[in-house]
Amino acid sequence: MTIRRFIPCLALAALPACLAAEFTPVAERPKIESPAITEASGLAISPTRPDLMWVINDSGGSPEIHLVGTDGGDHGKVTLKGVKNIDWEDLASFTHDGKSYLLVADTGDNNAKRETRFFHILREPALPTAGEKLAGTVPAAWTIQFRYAGGPRDCEAVAVDAKAGKILFISKRTTPPELYELPLRAPKKNAILTATPIARVAVKSPGGDLVPFSNQPTGLDITADGSLAAVITYYGVFLFPRNPGQSWAEAFSRMSVALPPHLLGQAESVAFSRDGQTIHAVSEGRATPIARYRLK
């Protein structure tokens, strides 16, 4: 999706109002069928199959990445070899040098005690053929280890800007939330990178205090063309358009556009379709419904 799709607005300044009107909730909500997905904390659409998406469970579970249809169907899982699920909180998909990748964000830290966190990057596993289910183990292609300059932070919202070669992530429990950025590849092997905030994120729930922690980001994604970002909280989905030539720091510093509430029990994940015309969101819990917003 590109900003040009919103040309019907009279001026660029009117863009946020257009976004709120153009993305509308979809009534049908299929449920995730896999009984193994009980705490869906990360969601990413497959770069190679628009009808499939990858899902991870929250902290303490097996280091598994589940393959699910956009209709909720169970298509199996793979285990990330040699990696622990300390506190997996988000999942991103992207294409780099013509190859499809997934990024697992082991960045959760409810008690702000972890000195270092990890981004595990892996090649997207080969997708199963019709009637088969995915199985087996896959290795990480590389891992990025990092710490925060200001001390431990909890983070559940992570995305990849493949064109810029950057990982974007937002702190959850700071007020306001803060945006961080790290390179997709560490400059030196086994280096521990340091993340410093580059912007404050303007998320403001119209629901006020009606929904607890309604301004805390629990998931993040950006469109494949880098023109739009979506942040999910326990209240709803917030959009951040990025103009040509604008940095993500500038885009996230602007007031966000709130979509209608998703009405999920404990929303943890958000993901754009590859064409940017559909936003998917899921919650923790068994058989979670897949909430969707679709571009008119």
C-alpha atoms as a PDB file:
ATOM      1  CA  MET A   1       0.000   0.000   0.000  1.00  0.00           C
ATOM      2  CA  THR A   2       1.174   3.524  -0.701  1.00  0.00           C
ATOM      3  CA  ILE A   3       0.106   6.912   0.501  1.00  0.00           C
ATOM      4  CA  ARG A   4      -1.224   7.620  -3.020  1.00  0.00           C
ATOM      5  CA  ARG A   5      -4.214   5.408  -2.261  1.00  0.00           C
ATOM      6  CA  PHE A   6      -5.535   8.167  -0.023  1.00  0.00           C
ATOM      7  CA  ILE A   7      -5.475  10.906  -2.683  1.00  0.00           C
ATOM      8  CA  PRO A   8      -9.248  11.510  -2.294  1.00  0.00           C
ATOM      9  CA  CYS A   9      -8.353  13.553   0.808  1.00  0.00           C
ATOM     10  CA  LEU A  10      -8.261  17.257   0.017  1.00  0.00           C
ATOM     11  CA  ALA A  11      -4.810  17.737   1.491  1.00  0.00           C
ATOM     12  CA  LEU A  12      -1.983  15.726   3.038  1.00  0.00           C
ATOM     13  CA  ALA A  13      -2.867  17.230   6.417  1.00  0.00           C
ATOM     14  CA  ALA A  14      -6.230  15.454   6.164  1.00  0.00           C
ATOM     15  CA  LEU A  15      -4.583  12.048   5.767  1.00  0.00           C
ATOM     16  CA  PRO A  16      -5.225  10.793   9.362  1.00  0.00           C
ATOM     17  CA  ALA A  17      -8.970  11.348   9.010  1.00  0.00           C
ATOM     18  CA  CYS A  18      -8.930   9.411   5.735  1.00  0.00           C
ATOM     19  CA  LEU A  19      -7.104   6.490   7.320  1.00  0.00           C
ATOM     20  CA  ALA A  20      -9.683   6.214  10.100  1.00  0.00           C
ATOM     21  CA  ALA A  21     -12.462   6.102   7.515  1.00  0.00           C
ATOM     22  CA  GLU A  22     -10.759   3.797   5.018  1.00  0.00           C
ATOM     23  CA  PHE A  23      -9.858   0.869   7.316  1.00  0.00           C
ATOM     24  CA  THR A  24     -13.068  -0.694   8.596  1.00  0.00           C
ATOM     25  CA  PRO A  25     -13.641  -3.765  10.811  1.00  0.00           C
ATOM     26  CA  VAL A  26     -14.552  -7.068   9.178  1.00  0.00           C
ATOM     27  CA  ALA A  27     -17.512  -8.775  10.811  1.00  0.00           C
ATOM     28  CA  GLU A  28     -16.335 -12.351  10.208  1.00  0.00           C
ATOM     29  CA  ARG A  29     -13.746 -13.522  12.756  1.00  0.00           C
ATOM     30  CA  PRO A  30     -12.341 -17.012  12.133  1.00  0.00           C
ATOM     31  CA  LYS A  31     -10.703 -18.672  15.118  1.00  0.00           C
ATOM     32  CA  ILE A  32      -7.215 -20.134  15.320  1.00  0.00           C
ATOM     33  CA  GLU A  33      -7.728 -23.887  15.323  1.00  0.00           C
ATOM     34  CA  SER A  34      -4.370 -25.146  16.600  1.00  0.00           C
ATOM     35  CA  PRO A  35      -4.722 -26.342  20.224  1.00  0.00           C
ATOM     36  CA  ALA A  36      -1.009 -25.631  20.731  1.00  0.00           C
ATOM     37  CA  ILE A  37      -1.513 -21.864  20.342  1.00  0.00           C
ATOM     38  CA  THR A  38      -2.680 -20.710  23.758  1.00  0.00           C
ATOM     39  CA  GLU A  39      -0.892 -17.366  24.196  1.00  0.00           C
ATOM     40  CA  ALA A  40      -0.444 -15.855  20.738  1.00  0.00           C
ATOM     41  CA  SER A  41       2.082 -13.102  21.365  1.00  0.00           C
ATOM     42  CA  GLY A  42       3.389 -12.594  17.834  1.00  0.00           C
ATOM     43  CA  LEU A  43       1.863 -12.668  14.369  1.00  0.00           C
ATOM     44  CA  ALA A  44       3.351 -12.230  10.878  1.00  0.00           C
ATOM     45  CA  ILE A  45       1.966 -12.825   7.391  1.00  0.00           C
ATOM     46  CA  SER A  46       4.050 -15.186   5.237  1.00  0.00           C
ATOM     47  CA  PRO A  47       6.090 -13.242   2.655  1.00  0.00           C
ATOM     48  CA  THR A  48       5.468 -16.006   0.111  1.00  0.00           C
ATOM     49  CA  ARG A  49       1.839 -17.042   0.748  1.00  0.00           C
ATOM     50  CA  PRO A  50      -0.700 -14.281   1.517  1.00  0.00           C
ATOM     51  CA  ASP A  51      -3.189 -16.831   2.880  1.00  0.00           C
ATOM     52  CA  LEU A  52      -0.782 -18.103   5.560  1.00  0.00           C
ATOM     53  CA  MET A  53       0.603 -16.507   8.719  1.00  0.00           C
ATOM     54  CA  TRP A  54       3.119 -17.373  11.389  1.00  0.00           C
ATOM     55  CA  VAL A  55       2.309 -17.298  15.117  1.00  0.00           C
ATOM     56  CA  ILE A  56       4.379 -17.678  18.287  1.00  0.00           C
ATOM     57  CA  ASN A  57       3.385 -18.296  21.901  1.00  0.00           C
ATOM     58  CA  ASP A  58       4.396 -16.164  24.859  1.00  0.00           C
ATOM     59  CA  SER A  59       7.104 -16.764  27.468  1.00  0.00           C
ATOM     60  CA  GLY A  60       8.173 -20.122  28.827  1.00  0.00           C
ATOM     61  CA  GLY A  61       6.745 -22.254  26.052  1.00  0.00           C
ATOM     62  CA  SER A  62       8.553 -24.348  23.511  1.00  0.00           C
ATOM     63  CA  PRO A  63      10.564 -22.418  20.892  1.00  0.00           C
ATOM     64  CA  GLU A  64       7.980 -23.203  18.231  1.00  0.00           C
ATOM     65  CA  ILE A  65       6.730 -21.165  15.300  1.00  0.00           C
ATOM     66  CA  HIS A  66       3.241 -22.144  14.164  1.00  0.00           C
ATOM     67  CA  LEU A  67       1.835 -21.900  10.651  1.00  0.00           C
ATOM     68  CA  VAL A  68      -1.819 -20.849  10.481  1.00  0.00           C
ATOM     69  CA  GLY A  69      -4.169 -19.998   7.649  1.00  0.00           C
ATOM     70  CA  THR A  70      -5.805 -16.596   7.549  1.00  0.00           C
ATOM     71  CA  ASP A  71      -8.971 -18.678   7.897  1.00  0.00           C
ATOM     72  CA  GLY A  72      -7.629 -20.061  11.211  1.00  0.00           C
ATOM     73  CA  GLY A  73      -6.621 -23.481   9.858  1.00  0.00           C
ATOM     74  CA  ASP A  74      -3.744 -25.377  11.483  1.00  0.00           C
ATOM     75  CA  HIS A  75      -0.847 -26.007   9.070  1.00  0.00           C
ATOM     76  CA  GLY A  76       1.734 -27.323  11.544  1.00  0.00           C
ATOM     77  CA  LYS A  77       4.796 -25.900  13.253  1.00  0.00           C
ATOM     78  CA  VAL A  78       8.590 -25.875  13.355  1.00  0.00           C
ATOM     79  CA  THR A  79      10.973 -25.688  16.299  1.00  0.00           C
ATOM     80  CA  LEU A  80      13.722 -23.061  16.338  1.00  0.00           C
ATOM     81  CA  LYS A  81      16.846 -25.123  16.983  1.00  0.00           C
ATOM     82  CA  GLY A  82      19.185 -24.223  19.857  1.00  0.00           C
ATOM     83  CA  VAL A  83      17.066 -21.287  21.054  1.00  0.00           C
ATOM     84  CA  LYS A  84      15.053 -20.798  24.256  1.00  0.00           C
ATOM     85  CA  ASN A  85      11.726 -19.054  24.547  1.00  0.00           C
ATOM     86  CA  ILE A  86      12.638 -16.823  27.458  1.00  0.00           C
ATOM     87  CA  ASP A  87       9.908 -14.280  26.750  1.00  0.00           C
ATOM     88  CA  TRP A  88       8.928 -14.257  23.081  1.00  0.00           C
ATOM     89  CA  GLU A  89       6.704 -11.247  22.457  1.00  0.00           C
ATOM     90  CA  ASP A  90       6.495 -10.444  18.759  1.00  0.00           C
ATOM     91  CA  LEU A  91       7.142 -11.817  15.299  1.00  0.00           C
ATOM     92  CA  ALA A  92       7.961 -10.050  12.023  1.00  0.00           C
ATOM     93  CA  SER A  93       8.301 -11.223   8.430  1.00  0.00           C
ATOM     94  CA  PHE A  94      10.274  -9.551   5.675  1.00  0.00           C
ATOM     95  CA  THR A  95      12.091 -10.074   2.389  1.00  0.00           C
ATOM     96  CA  HIS A  96      15.816  -9.351   2.122  1.00  0.00           C
ATOM     97  CA  ASP A  97      17.999  -9.907  -0.959  1.00  0.00           C
ATOM     98  CA  GLY A  98      15.160 -11.846  -2.558  1.00  0.00           C
ATOM     99  CA  LYS A  99      14.821 -14.264   0.368  1.00  0.00           C
ATOM    100  CA  SER A 100      12.016 -14.534   2.936  1.00  0.00           C
ATOM    101  CA  TYR A 101      12.794 -14.243   6.636  1.00  0.00           C
ATOM    102  CA  LEU A 102      11.126 -14.257  10.039  1.00  0.00           C
ATOM    103  CA  LEU A 103      12.295 -12.372  13.119  1.00  0.00           C
ATOM    104  CA  VAL A 104      11.437 -13.674  16.599  1.00  0.00           C
ATOM    105  CA  ALA A 105      11.616 -10.988  19.291  1.00  0.00           C
ATOM    106  CA  ASP A 106      12.686 -12.388  22.659  1.00  0.00           C
ATOM    107  CA  THR A 107      12.201  -8.994  24.283  1.00  0.00           C
ATOM    108  CA  GLY A 108       9.625  -9.378  27.044  1.00  0.00           C
ATOM    109  CA  ASP A 109      10.585  -8.234  30.545  1.00  0.00           C
ATOM    110  CA  ASN A 110       7.595  -7.565  32.817  1.00  0.00           C
ATOM    111  CA  ASN A 111       9.792  -6.948  35.852  1.00  0.00           C
ATOM    112  CA  ALA A 112      12.525  -4.977  34.026  1.00  0.00           C
ATOM    113  CA  LYS A 113      15.310  -7.335  35.149  1.00  0.00           C
ATOM    114  CA  ARG A 114      16.805  -8.728  31.939  1.00  0.00           C
ATOM    115  CA  GLU A 115      20.135  -7.154  31.069  1.00  0.00           C
ATOM    116  CA  THR A 116      20.158  -8.362  27.454  1.00  0.00           C
ATOM    117  CA  ARG A 117      17.500  -9.419  24.900  1.00  0.00           C
ATOM    118  CA  PHE A 118      17.562 -11.217  21.586  1.00  0.00           C
ATOM    119  CA  PHE A 119      16.269 -10.952  18.045  1.00  0.00           C
ATOM    120  CA  HIS A 120      16.462 -14.347  16.316  1.00  0.00           C
ATOM    121  CA  ILE A 121      16.311 -14.173  12.514  1.00  0.00           C
ATOM    122  CA  LEU A 122      15.615 -17.288  10.435  1.00  0.00           C
ATOM    123  CA  ARG A 123      14.872 -18.123   6.826  1.00  0.00           C
ATOM    124  CA  GLU A 124      11.184 -18.723   6.334  1.00  0.00           C
ATOM    125  CA  PRO A 125      10.704 -22.512   6.374  1.00  0.00           C
ATOM    126  CA  ALA A 126       9.559 -24.226   3.188  1.00  0.00           C
ATOM    127  CA  LEU A 127       5.774 -24.193   3.210  1.00  0.00           C
ATOM    128  CA  PRO A 128       3.894 -27.515   3.166  1.00  0.00           C
ATOM    129  CA  THR A 129       1.977 -28.704   0.138  1.00  0.00           C
ATOM    130  CA  ALA A 130      -1.788 -29.129   0.189  1.00  0.00           C
ATOM    131  CA  GLY A 131      -2.960 -31.709   2.713  1.00  0.00           C
ATOM    132  CA  GLU A 132       0.351 -31.762   4.623  1.00  0.00           C
ATOM    133  CA  LYS A 133       1.429 -30.136   7.884  1.00  0.00           C
ATOM    134  CA  LEU A 134       4.729 -28.453   8.613  1.00  0.00           C
ATOM    135  CA  ALA A 135       7.098 -30.218  11.056  1.00  0.00           C
ATOM    136  CA  GLY A 136      10.762 -30.406  12.038  1.00  0.00           C
ATOM    137  CA  THR A 137      13.441 -28.013  13.266  1.00  0.00           C
ATOM    138  CA  VAL A 138      15.033 -24.951  11.686  1.00  0.00           C
ATOM    139  CA  PRO A 139      18.212 -23.046  12.645  1.00  0.00           C
ATOM    140  CA  ALA A 140      18.519 -19.326  13.233  1.00  0.00           C
ATOM    141  CA  ALA A 141      20.337 -17.574  10.395  1.00  0.00           C
ATOM    142  CA  TRP A 142      21.713 -15.027  12.867  1.00  0.00           C
ATOM    143  CA  THR A 143      20.921 -13.567  16.290  1.00  0.00           C
ATOM    144  CA  ILE A 144      21.198  -9.986  17.527  1.00  0.00           C
ATOM    145  CA  GLN A 145      21.811  -9.435  21.232  1.00  0.00           C
ATOM    146  CA  PHE A 146      21.221  -5.999  22.737  1.00  0.00           C
ATOM    147  CA  ARG A 147      20.658  -3.951  25.874  1.00  0.00           C
ATOM    148  CA  TYR A 148      18.982  -0.626  26.586  1.00  0.00           C
ATOM    149  CA  ALA A 149      21.042   2.461  27.336  1.00  0.00           C
ATOM    150  CA  GLY A 150      18.683   3.521  30.131  1.00  0.00           C
ATOM    151  CA  GLY A 151      18.405   0.135  31.809  1.00  0.00           C
ATOM    152  CA  PRO A 152      15.985  -2.779  31.293  1.00  0.00           C
ATOM    153  CA  ARG A 153      12.725  -2.175  29.433  1.00  0.00           C
ATOM    154  CA  ASP A 154       9.734  -4.333  28.628  1.00  0.00           C
ATOM    155  CA  CYS A 155       9.013  -4.578  24.898  1.00  0.00           C
ATOM    156  CA  GLU A 156       6.273  -6.450  23.034  1.00  0.00           C
ATOM    157  CA  ALA A 157       6.081  -4.451  19.789  1.00  0.00           C
ATOM    158  CA  VAL A 158       8.674  -5.143  17.063  1.00  0.00           C
ATOM    159  CA  ALA A 159       8.791  -4.700  13.267  1.00  0.00           C
ATOM    160  CA  VAL A 160      11.362  -4.798  10.460  1.00  0.00           C
ATOM    161  CA  ASP A 161      12.004  -2.130   7.834  1.00  0.00           C
ATOM    162  CA  ALA A 162      13.846  -4.353   5.363  1.00  0.00           C
ATOM    163  CA  LYS A 163      14.514  -1.556   2.865  1.00  0.00           C
ATOM    164  CA  ALA A 164      16.335   0.465   5.525  1.00  0.00           C
ATOM    165  CA  GLY A 165      17.905  -2.630   7.125  1.00  0.00           C
ATOM    166  CA  LYS A 166      16.461  -1.649  10.511  1.00  0.00           C
ATOM    167  CA  ILE A 167      14.598  -3.280  13.392  1.00  0.00           C
ATOM    168  CA  LEU A 168      12.018  -0.981  15.001  1.00  0.00           C
ATOM    169  CA  PHE A 169      10.681  -1.640  18.491  1.00  0.00           C
ATOM    170  CA  ILE A 170       8.628   0.197  21.108  1.00  0.00           C
ATOM    171  CA  SER A 171       8.820   0.019  24.900  1.00  0.00           C
ATOM    172  CA  LYS A 172       5.602  -1.056  26.610  1.00  0.00           C
ATOM    173  CA  ARG A 173       5.635   0.276  30.166  1.00  0.00           C
ATOM    174  CA  THR A 174       7.298   3.669  29.780  1.00  0.00           C
ATOM    175  CA  THR A 175       5.097   6.766  29.696  1.00  0.00           C
ATOM    176  CA  PRO A 176       4.975   7.684  26.907  1.00  0.00           C
ATOM    177  CA  PRO A 177       6.166   4.620  24.965  1.00  0.00           C
ATOM    178  CA  GLU A 178       9.565   5.058  23.287  1.00  0.00           C
ATOM    179  CA  LEU A 179      10.687   4.040  19.799  1.00  0.00           C
ATOM    180  CA  TYR A 180      14.050   2.303  19.329  1.00  0.00           C
ATOM    181  CA  GLU A 181      15.988   1.295  16.231  1.00  0.00           C
ATOM    182  CA  LEU A 182      18.794  -1.201  15.635  1.00  0.00           C
ATOM    183  CA  PRO A 183      20.478  -2.550  12.490  1.00  0.00           C
ATOM    184  CA  LEU A 184      19.095  -5.773  11.063  1.00  0.00           C
ATOM    185  CA  ARG A 185      22.639  -7.169  11.157  1.00  0.00           C
ATOM    186  CA  ALA A 186      25.148  -6.488  13.914  1.00  0.00           C
ATOM    187  CA  PRO A 187      28.371  -4.844  12.672  1.00  0.00           C
ATOM    188  CA  LYS A 188      30.483  -7.435  14.520  1.00  0.00           C
ATOM    189  CA  LYS A 189      29.853 -11.085  15.328  1.00  0.00           C
ATOM    190  CA  ASN A 190      28.745 -11.690  18.947  1.00  0.00           C
ATOM    191  CA  ALA A 191      28.513  -7.945  19.572  1.00  0.00           C
ATOM    192  CA  ILE A 192      26.037  -6.719  22.206  1.00  0.00           C
ATOM    193  CA  LEU A 193      24.345  -3.663  20.740  1.00  0.00           C
ATOM    194  CA  THR A 194      22.988  -0.735  22.760  1.00  0.00           C
ATOM    195  CA  ALA A 195      19.543   0.644  21.986  1.00  0.00           C
ATOM    196  CA  THR A 196      18.759   4.292  22.660  1.00  0.00           C
ATOM    197  CA  PRO A 197      15.327   5.902  22.132  1.00  0.00           C
ATOM    198  CA  ILE A 198      14.870   7.918  18.937  1.00  0.00           C
ATOM    199  CA  ALA A 199      11.314   9.163  19.511  1.00  0.00           C
ATOM    200  CA  ARG A 200       8.343   9.180  21.838  1.00  0.00           C
ATOM    201  CA  VAL A 201       5.353   7.343  20.430  1.00  0.00           C
ATOM    202  CA  ALA A 202       2.083   9.260  20.356  1.00  0.00           C
ATOM    203  CA  VAL A 203      -0.457   6.566  21.253  1.00  0.00           C
ATOM    204  CA  LYS A 204      -3.566   7.930  22.949  1.00  0.00           C
ATOM    205  CA  SER A 205      -6.601   5.744  23.457  1.00  0.00           C
ATOM    206  CA  PRO A 206      -9.996   7.430  22.925  1.00  0.00           C
ATOM    207  CA  GLY A 207     -11.246   5.037  25.591  1.00  0.00           C
ATOM    208  CA  GLY A 208      -9.228   6.788  28.281  1.00  0.00           C
ATOM    209  CA  ASP A 209      -9.071   4.679  31.442  1.00  0.00           C
ATOM    210  CA  LEU A 210     -12.020   2.473  30.489  1.00  0.00           C
ATOM    211  CA  VAL A 211      -9.604  -0.198  29.240  1.00  0.00           C
ATOM    212  CA  PRO A 212      -6.658  -0.859  31.621  1.00  0.00           C
ATOM    213  CA  PHE A 213      -3.224  -0.212  30.082  1.00  0.00           C
ATOM    214  CA  SER A 214      -4.957   1.006  26.921  1.00  0.00           C
ATOM    215  CA  ASN A 215      -1.916   3.050  25.823  1.00  0.00           C
ATOM    216  CA  GLN A 216       0.670   0.266  26.190  1.00  0.00           C
ATOM    217  CA  PRO A 217       1.885  -1.147  22.840  1.00  0.00           C
ATOM    218  CA  THR A 218       1.691  -4.936  22.632  1.00  0.00           C
ATOM    219  CA  GLY A 219       2.403  -5.389  18.916  1.00  0.00           C
ATOM    220  CA  LEU A 220       3.788  -3.547  15.881  1.00  0.00           C
ATOM    221  CA  ASP A 221       3.960  -4.001  12.120  1.00  0.00           C
ATOM    222  CA  ILE A 222       4.713  -1.893   9.049  1.00  0.00           C
ATOM    223  CA  THR A 223       3.586  -2.287   5.451  1.00  0.00           C
ATOM    224  CA  ALA A 224       5.983  -3.880   2.991  1.00  0.00           C
ATOM    225  CA  ASP A 225       6.488  -0.542   1.242  1.00  0.00           C
ATOM    226  CA  GLY A 226       7.196   1.266   4.537  1.00  0.00           C
ATOM    227  CA  SER A 227       4.411   3.830   4.160  1.00  0.00           C
ATOM    228  CA  LEU A 228       2.320   2.882   7.202  1.00  0.00           C
ATOM    229  CA  ALA A 229       2.811   1.426  10.686  1.00  0.00           C
ATOM    230  CA  ALA A 230       0.235  -0.179  12.973  1.00  0.00           C
ATOM    231  CA  VAL A 231       0.527  -0.393  16.768  1.00  0.00           C
ATOM    232  CA  ILE A 232      -1.864  -2.532  18.786  1.00  0.00           C
ATOM    233  CA  THR A 233      -2.747  -2.070  22.456  1.00  0.00           C
ATOM    234  CA  TYR A 234      -5.316  -3.729  24.712  1.00  0.00           C
ATOM    235  CA  TYR A 235      -7.777  -1.095  23.461  1.00  0.00           C
ATOM    236  CA  GLY A 236      -7.312  -0.950  19.723  1.00  0.00           C
ATOM    237  CA  VAL A 237      -5.149  -0.449  16.638  1.00  0.00           C
ATOM    238  CA  PHE A 238      -3.371   2.859  15.968  1.00  0.00           C
ATOM    239  CA  LEU A 239      -1.994   3.867  12.576  1.00  0.00           C
ATOM    240  CA  PHE A 240       1.076   5.995  11.842  1.00  0.00           C
ATOM    241  CA  PRO A 241       1.388   7.097   8.191  1.00  0.00           C
ATOM    242  CA  ARG A 242       4.880   7.957   6.944  1.00  0.00           C
ATOM    243  CA  ASN A 243       5.283  10.525   4.188  1.00  0.00           C
ATOM    244  CA  PRO A 244       7.952  10.118   1.484  1.00  0.00           C
ATOM    245  CA  GLY A 245      11.312  11.203   2.871  1.00  0.00           C
ATOM    246  CA  GLN A 246      10.077  11.139   6.460  1.00  0.00           C
ATOM    247  CA  SER A 247      11.903   9.135   9.135  1.00  0.00           C
ATOM    248  CA  TRP A 248      10.137   6.676  11.400  1.00  0.00           C
ATOM    249  CA  ALA A 249      11.060   8.882  14.360  1.00  0.00           C
ATOM    250  CA  GLU A 250       9.115  11.724  12.749  1.00  0.00           C
ATOM    251  CA  ALA A 251       6.193   9.490  11.798  1.00  0.00           C
ATOM    252  CA  PHE A 252       5.777   8.014  15.277  1.00  0.00           C
ATOM    253  CA  SER A 253       6.050  11.425  16.919  1.00  0.00           C
ATOM    254  CA  ARG A 254       2.841  12.534  15.187  1.00  0.00           C
ATOM    255  CA  MET A 255      -0.491  11.782  16.836  1.00  0.00           C
ATOM    256  CA  SER A 256      -1.741   8.373  15.761  1.00  0.00           C
ATOM    257  CA  VAL A 257      -5.021   7.515  14.058  1.00  0.00           C
ATOM    258  CA  ALA A 258      -7.226   5.238  16.177  1.00  0.00           C
ATOM    259  CA  LEU A 259      -9.299   2.597  14.406  1.00  0.00           C
ATOM    260  CA  PRO A 260     -12.507   1.257  15.979  1.00  0.00           C
ATOM    261  CA  PRO A 261     -11.796  -0.941  19.049  1.00  0.00           C
ATOM    262  CA  HIS A 262     -10.817  -4.508  18.193  1.00  0.00           C
ATOM    263  CA  LEU A 263     -12.813  -5.953  21.142  1.00  0.00           C
ATOM    264  CA  LEU A 264     -10.256  -8.714  21.724  1.00  0.00           C
ATOM    265  CA  GLY A 265      -9.739 -10.101  25.220  1.00  0.00           C
ATOM    266  CA  GLN A 266      -5.997  -9.469  25.496  1.00  0.00           C
ATOM    267  CA  ALA A 267      -4.688  -8.272  22.156  1.00  0.00           C
ATOM    268  CA  GLU A 268      -1.013  -9.052  21.637  1.00  0.00           C
ATOM    269  CA  SER A 269      -0.287  -9.083  17.901  1.00  0.00           C
ATOM    270  CA  VAL A 270      -0.914  -7.131  14.709  1.00  0.00           C
ATOM    271  CA  ALA A 271       0.146  -7.773  11.101  1.00  0.00           C
ATOM    272  CA  PHE A 272      -0.467  -6.207   7.692  1.00  0.00           C
ATOM    273  CA  SER A 273      -1.269  -8.328   4.674  1.00  0.00           C
ATOM    274  CA  ARG A 274       1.507  -8.215   2.069  1.00  0.00           C
ATOM    275  CA  ASP A 275      -0.473  -5.759  -0.068  1.00  0.00           C
ATOM    276  CA  GLY A 276      -1.193  -3.549   2.947  1.00  0.00           C
ATOM    277  CA  GLN A 277      -4.956  -3.711   2.455  1.00  0.00           C
ATOM    278  CA  THR A 278      -5.835  -5.861   5.490  1.00  0.00           C
ATOM    279  CA  ILE A 279      -4.777  -5.597   9.131  1.00  0.00           C
ATOM    280  CA  HIS A 280      -4.920  -8.800  11.204  1.00  0.00           C
ATOM    281  CA  ALA A 281      -4.956  -8.901  15.013  1.00  0.00           C
ATOM    282  CA  VAL A 282      -5.077 -11.732  17.544  1.00  0.00           C
ATOM    283  CA  SER A 283      -5.312 -12.124  21.290  1.00  0.00           C
ATOM    284  CA  GLU A 284      -3.892 -14.437  23.896  1.00  0.00           C
ATOM    285  CA  GLY A 285      -6.035 -17.443  24.774  1.00  0.00           C
ATOM    286  CA  ARG A 286      -7.019 -20.706  23.147  1.00  0.00           C
ATOM    287  CA  ALA A 287      -9.004 -20.500  19.879  1.00  0.00           C
ATOM    288  CA  THR A 288      -8.458 -16.754  19.672  1.00  0.00           C
ATOM    289  CA  PRO A 289     -10.530 -14.996  17.015  1.00  0.00           C
ATOM    290  CA  ILE A 290      -8.667 -13.257  14.191  1.00  0.00           C
ATOM    291  CA  ALA A 291      -9.875  -9.660  14.095  1.00  0.00           C
ATOM    292  CA  ARG A 292      -9.418  -7.836  10.798  1.00  0.00           C
ATOM    293  CA  TYR A 293      -9.660  -4.353   9.359  1.00  0.00           C
ATOM    294  CA  ARG A 294      -9.895  -4.010   5.596  1.00  0.00           C
ATOM    295  CA  LEU A 295      -9.153  -1.093   3.309  1.00  0.00           C
ATOM    296  CA  LYS A 296     -12.271  -0.024   1.442  1.00  0.00           C
END
